[in-house]
Amino acid sequence: MAVDAEGYGAKEEGLDRLIADARVLSPAGIERAAWGWDRHEDPRIMERFHEAERAALRALEKSDRGPQWDDARKRILDLTERRTSLEDWKAEHGDVGHKAERALLAAALAIVARDKIDHPHYVTLVRPMSEALPWLLPELPPEPRR
């Protein structure tokens, strides 16, 4: 396994781990990811988020990785909302499920584009999901819920 300087595996392995972890998230984990998304809905933070999202998508387009992102996105949507979606994701369908799904998609985008975007953009994209999956951002521990 290829590991970079920060201890993460290669992007494909990171994506596989993200999806495997999303498969076993309990309703509480899904709610935690949605809470992470809520924490980032401040207009200033969302502006940075959209900037990071655009940077990652541009980087993938320039490096001909659009098909990789399309595949990752399809895998996540199959997990969260298609007929074959997991029971815990079905149970959290609605506002909570959609917010957690957005956090999961943003984290997947960051992983697929990781070697093509700067670290601040990576952090911005994975921060909401890292509230439920701290391995995405080990340098920033999850925030305590109030």
N, C-alpha and C. Protein backbone atom coordinates (compact mmCIF):
# COMPACT_ATOMS: atom_id res chain seq x y z
N MET A 1 0.85 -1.18 0.00
CA MET A 1 0.00 0.00 0.00
C MET A 1 0.89 1.23 0.00
N ALA A 2 0.59 2.15 -0.89
CA ALA A 2 1.33 3.42 -0.94
C ALA A 2 0.78 4.35 0.13
N VAL A 3 1.66 4.86 0.97
CA VAL A 3 1.24 5.76 2.03
C VAL A 3 1.98 7.07 1.85
N ASP A 4 1.25 8.18 1.93
CA ASP A 4 1.90 9.48 1.79
C ASP A 4 2.44 9.94 3.13
N ALA A 5 3.05 11.12 3.13
CA ALA A 5 3.73 11.64 4.31
C ALA A 5 2.81 11.83 5.51
N GLU A 6 1.52 11.98 5.29
CA GLU A 6 0.59 12.21 6.39
C GLU A 6 -0.07 10.92 6.86
N GLY A 7 0.38 9.78 6.34
CA GLY A 7 -0.13 8.52 6.83
C GLY A 7 -1.36 8.00 6.10
N TYR A 8 -1.80 8.67 5.07
CA TYR A 8 -2.97 8.21 4.33
C TYR A 8 -2.52 7.22 3.26
N GLY A 9 -3.38 6.28 2.96
CA GLY A 9 -3.10 5.36 1.87
C GLY A 9 -3.35 6.03 0.53
N ALA A 10 -3.07 5.30 -0.54
CA ALA A 10 -3.33 5.82 -1.89
C ALA A 10 -4.80 6.20 -2.00
N LYS A 11 -5.10 7.11 -2.93
CA LYS A 11 -6.46 7.65 -3.00
C LYS A 11 -7.51 6.57 -3.21
N GLU A 12 -7.20 5.53 -3.98
CA GLU A 12 -8.19 4.47 -4.19
C GLU A 12 -8.47 3.75 -2.88
N GLU A 13 -7.41 3.49 -2.11
CA GLU A 13 -7.58 2.82 -0.82
C GLU A 13 -8.35 3.73 0.13
N GLY A 14 -8.07 5.04 0.09
CA GLY A 14 -8.80 5.97 0.94
C GLY A 14 -10.27 5.99 0.59
N LEU A 15 -10.58 5.96 -0.69
CA LEU A 15 -11.98 5.94 -1.13
C LEU A 15 -12.65 4.64 -0.71
N ASP A 16 -11.95 3.52 -0.87
CA ASP A 16 -12.51 2.24 -0.44
C ASP A 16 -12.78 2.24 1.06
N ARG A 17 -11.85 2.80 1.84
CA ARG A 17 -12.05 2.86 3.28
C ARG A 17 -13.24 3.76 3.63
N LEU A 18 -13.33 4.91 2.95
CA LEU A 18 -14.45 5.82 3.19
C LEU A 18 -15.78 5.11 2.95
N ILE A 19 -15.89 4.42 1.85
CA ILE A 19 -17.15 3.75 1.51
C ILE A 19 -17.41 2.58 2.46
N ALA A 20 -16.36 1.85 2.81
CA ALA A 20 -16.53 0.75 3.78
C ALA A 20 -17.00 1.29 5.13
N ASP A 21 -16.42 2.39 5.57
CA ASP A 21 -16.83 2.98 6.84
C ASP A 21 -18.25 3.53 6.76
N ALA A 22 -18.62 4.11 5.63
CA ALA A 22 -19.98 4.63 5.46
C ALA A 22 -21.00 3.50 5.51
N ARG A 23 -20.60 2.32 5.05
CA ARG A 23 -21.51 1.15 5.08
C ARG A 23 -21.87 0.75 6.50
N VAL A 24 -20.96 0.99 7.44
CA VAL A 24 -21.21 0.53 8.80
C VAL A 24 -21.58 1.66 9.76
N LEU A 25 -21.77 2.86 9.23
CA LEU A 25 -22.21 3.96 10.11
C LEU A 25 -23.59 3.64 10.67
N SER A 26 -23.73 3.83 11.94
CA SER A 26 -25.03 3.67 12.59
C SER A 26 -25.85 4.93 12.34
N PRO A 27 -27.13 4.92 12.69
CA PRO A 27 -27.90 6.16 12.60
C PRO A 27 -27.22 7.31 13.36
N ALA A 28 -26.60 7.00 14.51
CA ALA A 28 -25.90 8.05 15.27
C ALA A 28 -24.71 8.60 14.48
N GLY A 29 -24.00 7.74 13.76
CA GLY A 29 -22.88 8.19 12.92
C GLY A 29 -23.35 9.04 11.76
N ILE A 30 -24.47 8.66 11.18
CA ILE A 30 -25.06 9.43 10.08
C ILE A 30 -25.50 10.80 10.61
N GLU A 31 -26.10 10.80 11.79
CA GLU A 31 -26.49 12.07 12.40
C GLU A 31 -25.27 12.94 12.71
N ARG A 32 -24.18 12.32 13.13
CA ARG A 32 -22.95 13.07 13.42
C ARG A 32 -22.41 13.71 12.14
N ALA A 33 -22.44 12.99 11.03
CA ALA A 33 -21.99 13.55 9.75
C ALA A 33 -22.90 14.71 9.33
N ALA A 34 -24.20 14.55 9.53
CA ALA A 34 -25.15 15.64 9.20
C ALA A 34 -24.88 16.84 10.09
N TRP A 35 -24.61 16.60 11.37
CA TRP A 35 -24.25 17.69 12.28
C TRP A 35 -22.98 18.40 11.80
N GLY A 36 -22.01 17.62 11.32
CA GLY A 36 -20.79 18.21 10.77
C GLY A 36 -21.11 19.10 9.58
N TRP A 37 -22.06 18.66 8.75
CA TRP A 37 -22.47 19.49 7.61
C TRP A 37 -23.12 20.78 8.10
N ASP A 38 -24.02 20.64 9.09
CA ASP A 38 -24.70 21.82 9.65
C ASP A 38 -23.71 22.86 10.16
N ARG A 39 -22.65 22.40 10.79
CA ARG A 39 -21.65 23.31 11.35
C ARG A 39 -20.97 24.12 10.25
N HIS A 40 -21.04 23.66 9.02
CA HIS A 40 -20.34 24.33 7.92
C HIS A 40 -21.28 25.06 6.98
N GLU A 41 -22.52 25.25 7.40
CA GLU A 41 -23.47 25.94 6.53
C GLU A 41 -23.45 27.46 6.69
N ASP A 42 -22.59 27.97 7.53
CA ASP A 42 -22.39 29.41 7.64
C ASP A 42 -21.99 29.93 6.25
N PRO A 43 -22.56 31.05 5.80
CA PRO A 43 -22.26 31.54 4.44
C PRO A 43 -20.77 31.71 4.14
N ARG A 44 -19.99 32.17 5.11
CA ARG A 44 -18.54 32.33 4.86
C ARG A 44 -17.86 30.98 4.67
N ILE A 45 -18.27 30.01 5.49
CA ILE A 45 -17.68 28.68 5.38
C ILE A 45 -18.14 28.03 4.08
N MET A 46 -19.40 28.18 3.73
CA MET A 46 -19.91 27.59 2.49
C MET A 46 -19.23 28.20 1.28
N GLU A 47 -18.87 29.46 1.34
CA GLU A 47 -18.14 30.08 0.24
C GLU A 47 -16.79 29.38 0.06
N ARG A 48 -16.09 29.12 1.18
CA ARG A 48 -14.81 28.39 1.10
C ARG A 48 -15.04 26.96 0.62
N PHE A 49 -16.14 26.36 1.07
CA PHE A 49 -16.45 25.00 0.65
C PHE A 49 -16.65 24.93 -0.86
N HIS A 50 -17.45 25.85 -1.39
CA HIS A 50 -17.71 25.84 -2.84
C HIS A 50 -16.44 26.14 -3.63
N GLU A 51 -15.59 27.00 -3.10
CA GLU A 51 -14.30 27.26 -3.75
C GLU A 51 -13.46 25.98 -3.79
N ALA A 52 -13.40 25.24 -2.68
CA ALA A 52 -12.64 23.99 -2.62
C ALA A 52 -13.24 22.95 -3.55
N GLU A 53 -14.56 22.89 -3.60
CA GLU A 53 -15.25 21.96 -4.48
C GLU A 53 -14.92 22.26 -5.95
N ARG A 54 -14.98 23.53 -6.32
CA ARG A 54 -14.65 23.92 -7.70
C ARG A 54 -13.20 23.60 -8.03
N ALA A 55 -12.29 23.86 -7.08
CA ALA A 55 -10.87 23.56 -7.30
C ALA A 55 -10.67 22.07 -7.52
N ALA A 56 -11.32 21.25 -6.72
CA ALA A 56 -11.18 19.80 -6.86
C ALA A 56 -11.75 19.32 -8.19
N LEU A 57 -12.91 19.82 -8.57
CA LEU A 57 -13.51 19.40 -9.84
C LEU A 57 -12.67 19.85 -11.03
N ARG A 58 -12.13 21.08 -10.96
CA ARG A 58 -11.24 21.54 -12.04
C ARG A 58 -10.00 20.66 -12.12
N ALA A 59 -9.43 20.33 -10.98
CA ALA A 59 -8.23 19.49 -10.96
C ALA A 59 -8.51 18.11 -11.56
N LEU A 60 -9.66 17.56 -11.25
CA LEU A 60 -10.01 16.25 -11.80
C LEU A 60 -10.24 16.33 -13.30
N GLU A 61 -10.87 17.39 -13.73
CA GLU A 61 -11.11 17.57 -15.16
C GLU A 61 -9.79 17.71 -15.92
N LYS A 62 -8.89 18.53 -15.38
CA LYS A 62 -7.59 18.74 -16.03
C LYS A 62 -6.75 17.47 -16.08
N SER A 63 -6.92 16.60 -15.11
CA SER A 63 -6.11 15.38 -15.06
C SER A 63 -6.86 14.16 -15.60
N ASP A 64 -7.96 14.41 -16.30
CA ASP A 64 -8.77 13.34 -16.90
C ASP A 64 -9.23 12.31 -15.89
N ARG A 65 -9.56 12.76 -14.68
CA ARG A 65 -10.06 11.86 -13.64
C ARG A 65 -11.57 12.00 -13.44
N GLY A 66 -12.23 12.66 -14.37
CA GLY A 66 -13.68 12.77 -14.26
C GLY A 66 -14.38 11.43 -14.11
N PRO A 67 -13.97 10.42 -14.90
CA PRO A 67 -14.60 9.10 -14.75
C PRO A 67 -14.40 8.49 -13.36
N GLN A 68 -13.24 8.72 -12.74
CA GLN A 68 -13.02 8.22 -11.38
C GLN A 68 -14.00 8.87 -10.41
N TRP A 69 -14.20 10.18 -10.55
CA TRP A 69 -15.13 10.87 -9.67
C TRP A 69 -16.56 10.40 -9.93
N ASP A 70 -16.91 10.22 -11.20
CA ASP A 70 -18.26 9.73 -11.53
C ASP A 70 -18.50 8.36 -10.89
N ASP A 71 -17.49 7.49 -10.94
CA ASP A 71 -17.62 6.16 -10.34
C ASP A 71 -17.76 6.26 -8.82
N ALA A 72 -16.95 7.10 -8.19
CA ALA A 72 -17.02 7.27 -6.73
C ALA A 72 -18.40 7.81 -6.33
N ARG A 73 -18.87 8.79 -7.05
CA ARG A 73 -20.17 9.39 -6.76
C ARG A 73 -21.29 8.35 -6.90
N LYS A 74 -21.23 7.54 -7.94
CA LYS A 74 -22.23 6.48 -8.15
C LYS A 74 -22.20 5.47 -7.00
N ARG A 75 -21.00 5.08 -6.57
CA ARG A 75 -20.88 4.12 -5.47
C ARG A 75 -21.52 4.68 -4.20
N ILE A 76 -21.32 5.95 -3.95
CA ILE A 76 -21.88 6.56 -2.74
C ILE A 76 -23.40 6.67 -2.84
N LEU A 77 -23.89 7.10 -3.98
CA LEU A 77 -25.34 7.22 -4.14
C LEU A 77 -26.02 5.85 -4.09
N ASP A 78 -25.35 4.81 -4.59
CA ASP A 78 -25.89 3.46 -4.46
C ASP A 78 -26.01 3.08 -2.99
N LEU A 79 -25.06 3.50 -2.20
CA LEU A 79 -25.03 3.19 -0.77
C LEU A 79 -26.10 3.96 0.00
N THR A 80 -26.34 5.21 -0.39
CA THR A 80 -27.18 6.08 0.42
C THR A 80 -28.62 6.23 -0.04
N GLU A 81 -28.88 6.08 -1.34
CA GLU A 81 -30.26 6.37 -1.74
C GLU A 81 -30.88 5.51 -2.81
N ARG A 82 -30.15 4.62 -3.40
CA ARG A 82 -30.76 3.79 -4.43
C ARG A 82 -31.52 2.63 -3.79
N ARG A 83 -32.16 1.84 -4.60
CA ARG A 83 -32.93 0.70 -4.09
C ARG A 83 -32.10 -0.24 -3.23
N THR A 84 -30.82 -0.32 -3.52
CA THR A 84 -29.93 -1.22 -2.77
C THR A 84 -29.28 -0.52 -1.58
N SER A 85 -29.72 0.67 -1.22
CA SER A 85 -29.09 1.40 -0.12
C SER A 85 -29.23 0.65 1.19
N LEU A 86 -28.34 0.96 2.10
CA LEU A 86 -28.31 0.28 3.38
C LEU A 86 -29.44 0.75 4.29
N GLU A 87 -29.88 -0.11 5.18
CA GLU A 87 -31.01 0.18 6.06
C GLU A 87 -30.79 1.43 6.91
N ASP A 88 -29.59 1.58 7.49
CA ASP A 88 -29.36 2.76 8.34
C ASP A 88 -29.43 4.05 7.53
N TRP A 89 -28.98 4.01 6.28
CA TRP A 89 -29.10 5.21 5.44
C TRP A 89 -30.56 5.44 5.06
N LYS A 90 -31.31 4.35 4.83
CA LYS A 90 -32.74 4.50 4.55
C LYS A 90 -33.46 5.08 5.75
N ALA A 91 -33.07 4.62 6.94
CA ALA A 91 -33.72 5.10 8.17
C ALA A 91 -33.48 6.59 8.37
N GLU A 92 -32.36 7.08 7.90
CA GLU A 92 -32.02 8.50 8.07
C GLU A 92 -32.34 9.31 6.81
N HIS A 93 -33.12 8.73 5.91
CA HIS A 93 -33.48 9.46 4.70
C HIS A 93 -34.27 10.71 5.09
N GLY A 94 -34.10 11.74 4.36
CA GLY A 94 -34.70 13.03 4.70
C GLY A 94 -33.57 14.02 4.93
N ASP A 95 -33.84 15.07 5.67
CA ASP A 95 -32.88 16.14 5.86
C ASP A 95 -31.55 15.65 6.44
N VAL A 96 -31.61 14.84 7.48
CA VAL A 96 -30.39 14.33 8.11
C VAL A 96 -29.60 13.48 7.11
N GLY A 97 -30.28 12.57 6.45
CA GLY A 97 -29.60 11.71 5.48
C GLY A 97 -28.99 12.48 4.33
N HIS A 98 -29.68 13.50 3.86
CA HIS A 98 -29.16 14.30 2.74
C HIS A 98 -27.93 15.10 3.15
N LYS A 99 -27.94 15.63 4.35
CA LYS A 99 -26.78 16.38 4.83
C LYS A 99 -25.58 15.45 4.99
N ALA A 100 -25.80 14.27 5.56
CA ALA A 100 -24.71 13.31 5.72
C ALA A 100 -24.20 12.85 4.36
N GLU A 101 -25.11 12.67 3.43
CA GLU A 101 -24.73 12.28 2.07
C GLU A 101 -23.85 13.36 1.43
N ARG A 102 -24.22 14.63 1.61
CA ARG A 102 -23.40 15.73 1.07
C ARG A 102 -22.00 15.72 1.69
N ALA A 103 -21.94 15.46 3.00
CA ALA A 103 -20.64 15.39 3.67
C ALA A 103 -19.82 14.23 3.12
N LEU A 104 -20.46 13.09 2.89
CA LEU A 104 -19.79 11.91 2.34
C LEU A 104 -19.29 12.16 0.92
N LEU A 105 -20.12 12.78 0.10
CA LEU A 105 -19.71 13.10 -1.28
C LEU A 105 -18.54 14.07 -1.29
N ALA A 106 -18.56 15.07 -0.42
CA ALA A 106 -17.46 16.03 -0.37
C ALA A 106 -16.17 15.34 0.05
N ALA A 107 -16.25 14.44 1.02
CA ALA A 107 -15.06 13.71 1.45
C ALA A 107 -14.52 12.84 0.32
N ALA A 108 -15.41 12.19 -0.42
CA ALA A 108 -14.97 11.36 -1.55
C ALA A 108 -14.30 12.22 -2.62
N LEU A 109 -14.87 13.37 -2.90
CA LEU A 109 -14.26 14.28 -3.87
C LEU A 109 -12.85 14.66 -3.43
N ALA A 110 -12.71 14.98 -2.16
CA ALA A 110 -11.39 15.35 -1.63
C ALA A 110 -10.39 14.21 -1.77
N ILE A 111 -10.82 13.00 -1.50
CA ILE A 111 -9.92 11.84 -1.60
C ILE A 111 -9.51 11.61 -3.04
N VAL A 112 -10.46 11.66 -3.96
CA VAL A 112 -10.14 11.41 -5.38
C VAL A 112 -9.19 12.49 -5.91
N ALA A 113 -9.36 13.72 -5.45
CA ALA A 113 -8.54 14.84 -5.95
C ALA A 113 -7.35 15.16 -5.05
N ARG A 114 -7.14 14.40 -4.02
CA ARG A 114 -6.16 14.75 -2.97
C ARG A 114 -4.80 15.17 -3.49
N ASP A 115 -4.25 14.45 -4.44
CA ASP A 115 -2.91 14.77 -4.92
C ASP A 115 -2.91 15.93 -5.92
N LYS A 116 -4.09 16.48 -6.21
CA LYS A 116 -4.20 17.58 -7.17
C LYS A 116 -4.69 18.88 -6.53
N ILE A 117 -5.03 18.83 -5.24
CA ILE A 117 -5.49 20.05 -4.55
C ILE A 117 -4.60 20.31 -3.36
N ASP A 118 -4.61 21.54 -2.88
CA ASP A 118 -3.79 21.86 -1.71
C ASP A 118 -4.48 21.37 -0.44
N HIS A 119 -3.71 21.30 0.63
CA HIS A 119 -4.23 20.76 1.89
C HIS A 119 -5.40 21.57 2.46
N PRO A 120 -5.36 22.91 2.41
CA PRO A 120 -6.53 23.65 2.91
C PRO A 120 -7.84 23.31 2.19
N HIS A 121 -7.77 23.08 0.88
CA HIS A 121 -8.98 22.67 0.15
C HIS A 121 -9.42 21.28 0.59
N TYR A 122 -8.45 20.38 0.77
CA TYR A 122 -8.77 19.03 1.25
C TYR A 122 -9.48 19.12 2.61
N VAL A 123 -8.91 19.90 3.52
CA VAL A 123 -9.48 20.04 4.86
C VAL A 123 -10.92 20.57 4.78
N THR A 124 -11.12 21.57 3.97
CA THR A 124 -12.46 22.16 3.84
C THR A 124 -13.47 21.12 3.37
N LEU A 125 -13.07 20.28 2.43
CA LEU A 125 -14.00 19.28 1.88
C LEU A 125 -14.25 18.12 2.84
N VAL A 126 -13.26 17.69 3.59
CA VAL A 126 -13.46 16.52 4.46
C VAL A 126 -13.94 16.87 5.86
N ARG A 127 -13.82 18.13 6.26
CA ARG A 127 -14.14 18.50 7.65
C ARG A 127 -15.53 18.06 8.11
N PRO A 128 -16.60 18.26 7.33
CA PRO A 128 -17.92 17.81 7.82
C PRO A 128 -17.96 16.30 8.09
N MET A 129 -17.42 15.49 7.18
CA MET A 129 -17.46 14.03 7.36
C MET A 129 -16.49 13.57 8.43
N SER A 130 -15.44 14.35 8.67
CA SER A 130 -14.46 13.96 9.69
C SER A 130 -15.07 14.00 11.09
N GLU A 131 -16.21 14.66 11.24
CA GLU A 131 -16.90 14.64 12.54
C GLU A 131 -17.38 13.23 12.87
N ALA A 132 -17.67 12.43 11.84
CA ALA A 132 -18.09 11.05 12.05
C ALA A 132 -16.95 10.06 11.81
N LEU A 133 -16.01 10.43 10.95
CA LEU A 133 -14.87 9.57 10.60
C LEU A 133 -13.57 10.35 10.81
N PRO A 134 -13.09 10.40 12.04
CA PRO A 134 -11.92 11.24 12.36
C PRO A 134 -10.64 10.89 11.61
N TRP A 135 -10.52 9.69 11.07
CA TRP A 135 -9.31 9.33 10.34
C TRP A 135 -9.12 10.20 9.10
N LEU A 136 -10.19 10.83 8.61
CA LEU A 136 -10.07 11.70 7.44
C LEU A 136 -9.22 12.93 7.74
N LEU A 137 -9.19 13.34 8.98
CA LEU A 137 -8.50 14.57 9.37
C LEU A 137 -7.91 14.40 10.77
N PRO A 138 -6.90 13.54 10.90
CA PRO A 138 -6.40 13.23 12.24
C PRO A 138 -5.80 14.42 12.98
N GLU A 139 -5.39 15.45 12.26
CA GLU A 139 -4.80 16.61 12.93
C GLU A 139 -5.83 17.52 13.59
N LEU A 140 -7.11 17.34 13.25
CA LEU A 140 -8.19 18.13 13.86
C LEU A 140 -9.19 17.18 14.50
N PRO A 141 -9.20 17.08 15.82
CA PRO A 141 -10.17 16.16 16.43
C PRO A 141 -11.60 16.63 16.22
N PRO A 142 -12.56 15.71 16.26
CA PRO A 142 -13.96 16.10 16.13
C PRO A 142 -14.34 17.11 17.21
N GLU A 143 -15.27 17.98 16.87
CA GLU A 143 -15.76 18.99 17.81
C GLU A 143 -16.72 18.34 18.80
N PRO A 144 -16.71 18.78 20.05
CA PRO A 144 -17.71 18.26 20.98
C PRO A 144 -19.09 18.78 20.60
N ARG A 145 -20.07 17.92 20.68
CA ARG A 145 -21.46 18.33 20.40
C ARG A 145 -22.04 18.98 21.62
N ARG A 146 -22.72 20.06 21.42
CA ARG A 146 -23.36 20.78 22.55
C ARG A 146 -24.83 20.54 22.53
